[in-house]
Each structure stands twice: as structure tokens, then as C-alpha cells.
Amino acid sequence: VQAILSAHWDVVDDDKWDVTFDDIKLAVFGLTIVDKEFGSERDQTLETLDTVAGGDSTARSTTNGGTWDLKYADASLRVLYAYGTGKDPTKANIFVLENVSK
């Protein structure tokens, strides 16, 4: 499985970025399943990604981006909170990212 999510961002401060996703590519066993470029409107995003956890369509962000708030970082680990544009930061998703590059 290969998943590639491309984005650009604006630095808000040392620990916070406003992120906008540009496109997503998903392949399974070398077969491309999704190759989607996001537009400026949320209705161009992938409905299946938005609702995979049973999300309500009225509760989704109106954009294809959000804010990443870094809480911890060292050479091999990052911990950040992510929430959609205009969403409540107290209801953010938490991501723990490990650097596995050799």
C-alpha cells in the first residue's frame, strides 16, 4: 500500500502551521485507486475519507486544510494536534509520527 498526501503550509508561529492539502494518491499492489487533486472547495474532497469513521457530513470542515499544533519534537518523533479550519481546537485529532528513514 502506498499513500501520498501533498500539502503546503503557512507558519503561524514556532509550533503552529496552517496546512492546505493539495492532492492525494493511493495505490494498492501497484494499482492506483485514488489520484485526486483538491480544489479550493470542500465538495471536491473524498467523501469516503471524510466519513470513514462515521462522520456527519454537516460536521466536516468547509476547506481541505486545517491547523497543526506541534506539542513535542525530537530527532525521531513528532506529536501534534490537528483540527480543521474553523473547528474547535479542543476536539483536535492527535498524531504521533515516527521518523523511520535510515
Protein backbone atom coordinates (compact mmCIF):
# COMPACT_ATOMS: atom_id res chain seq x y z
CA VAL A 1 0.00 0.00 0.00
CA GLN A 2 1.26 3.45 -0.89
CA ALA A 3 -0.42 6.67 0.24
CA ILE A 4 0.88 10.12 -0.65
CA LEU A 5 -0.73 13.31 0.65
CA SER A 6 0.79 16.54 -0.66
CA ALA A 7 0.30 19.85 1.12
CA HIS A 8 1.60 23.38 1.56
CA TRP A 9 1.54 25.43 4.75
CA ASP A 10 1.91 28.84 6.30
CA VAL A 11 3.86 29.16 9.54
CA VAL A 12 1.70 30.76 12.24
CA ASP A 13 4.37 30.59 14.95
CA ASP A 14 7.17 28.27 16.10
CA ASP A 15 4.78 25.41 16.93
CA LYS A 16 1.77 26.00 14.69
CA TRP A 17 1.09 25.77 10.95
CA ASP A 18 -1.97 26.37 8.78
CA VAL A 19 -1.92 23.43 6.35
CA THR A 20 -3.72 23.11 2.99
CA PHE A 21 -3.80 19.72 1.28
CA ASP A 22 -3.08 19.79 -2.47
CA ASP A 23 -3.63 16.23 -3.60
CA ILE A 24 -3.82 12.59 -2.55
CA LYS A 25 -2.65 9.42 -4.25
CA LEU A 26 -3.44 5.91 -3.06
CA ALA A 27 -2.20 2.65 -4.61
CA VAL A 28 -2.63 -0.98 -3.60
CA PHE A 29 -0.29 -3.63 -5.08
CA GLY A 30 0.85 -1.03 -7.62
CA LEU A 31 -2.70 -0.31 -8.82
CA THR A 32 -3.75 3.33 -8.43
CA ILE A 33 -7.01 3.51 -6.52
CA VAL A 34 -7.19 7.29 -5.97
CA ASP A 35 -5.39 10.14 -7.71
CA LYS A 36 -7.23 13.30 -6.68
CA GLU A 37 -6.26 16.95 -6.79
CA PHE A 38 -8.10 19.08 -4.24
CA GLY A 39 -9.68 22.32 -5.29
CA SER A 40 -10.47 25.29 -3.10
CA GLU A 41 -13.91 23.91 -2.17
CA ARG A 42 -14.54 21.04 0.25
CA ASP A 43 -17.06 19.36 -2.07
CA GLN A 44 -14.09 18.28 -4.21
CA THR A 45 -12.63 16.13 -1.43
CA LEU A 46 -13.04 12.39 -0.99
CA GLU A 47 -16.32 11.58 0.70
CA THR A 48 -15.04 8.14 1.76
CA LEU A 49 -12.13 9.68 3.68
CA ASP A 50 -14.42 12.15 5.43
CA THR A 51 -16.94 9.57 6.56
CA VAL A 52 -14.76 6.51 7.23
CA ALA A 53 -15.24 6.95 10.99
CA GLY A 54 -18.96 7.59 10.67
CA GLY A 55 -18.56 11.35 10.46
CA ASP A 56 -21.58 13.52 9.84
CA SER A 57 -21.32 15.48 6.60
CA THR A 58 -22.60 18.63 8.33
CA ALA A 59 -19.79 18.44 10.91
CA ARG A 60 -16.94 18.42 8.38
CA SER A 61 -14.62 21.30 7.71
CA THR A 62 -15.50 23.54 4.79
CA THR A 63 -11.93 23.51 3.49
CA ASN A 64 -9.27 20.95 2.58
CA GLY A 65 -6.94 22.01 5.36
CA GLY A 66 -6.57 22.93 8.97
CA THR A 67 -4.15 23.75 11.74
CA TRP A 68 -1.31 21.58 13.02
CA ASP A 69 -0.21 22.36 16.55
CA LEU A 70 3.14 20.73 17.42
CA LYS A 71 3.35 19.58 21.04
CA TYR A 72 6.62 17.58 21.03
CA ALA A 73 9.50 17.03 18.63
CA ASP A 74 12.91 15.37 18.67
CA ALA A 75 15.09 13.71 16.02
CA SER A 76 12.83 10.66 15.70
CA LEU A 77 9.38 11.63 17.00
CA ARG A 78 6.73 14.30 16.48
CA VAL A 79 3.46 14.67 18.39
CA LEU A 80 0.91 17.12 17.02
CA TYR A 81 -2.74 18.05 17.27
CA ALA A 82 -4.62 18.67 14.02
CA TYR A 83 -8.00 20.28 13.53
CA GLY A 84 -9.90 21.53 10.50
CA THR A 85 -10.17 25.17 9.55
CA GLY A 86 -12.80 26.79 11.74
CA LYS A 87 -13.03 23.75 14.05
CA ASP A 88 -12.74 23.64 17.84
CA PRO A 89 -9.06 23.03 18.81
CA THR A 90 -10.18 21.15 21.94
CA LYS A 91 -11.60 18.45 19.64
CA ALA A 92 -8.40 18.01 17.60
CA ASN A 93 -7.01 14.68 16.38
CA ILE A 94 -3.65 13.69 17.82
CA PHE A 95 -0.91 12.30 15.57
CA VAL A 96 2.28 10.59 16.72
CA LEU A 97 4.77 10.46 13.84
CA GLU A 98 7.97 8.45 13.92
CA ASN A 99 10.88 9.07 11.57
CA VAL A 100 11.77 5.65 10.15
CA SER A 101 14.19 6.81 7.44
CA LYS A 102 17.55 5.06 7.53
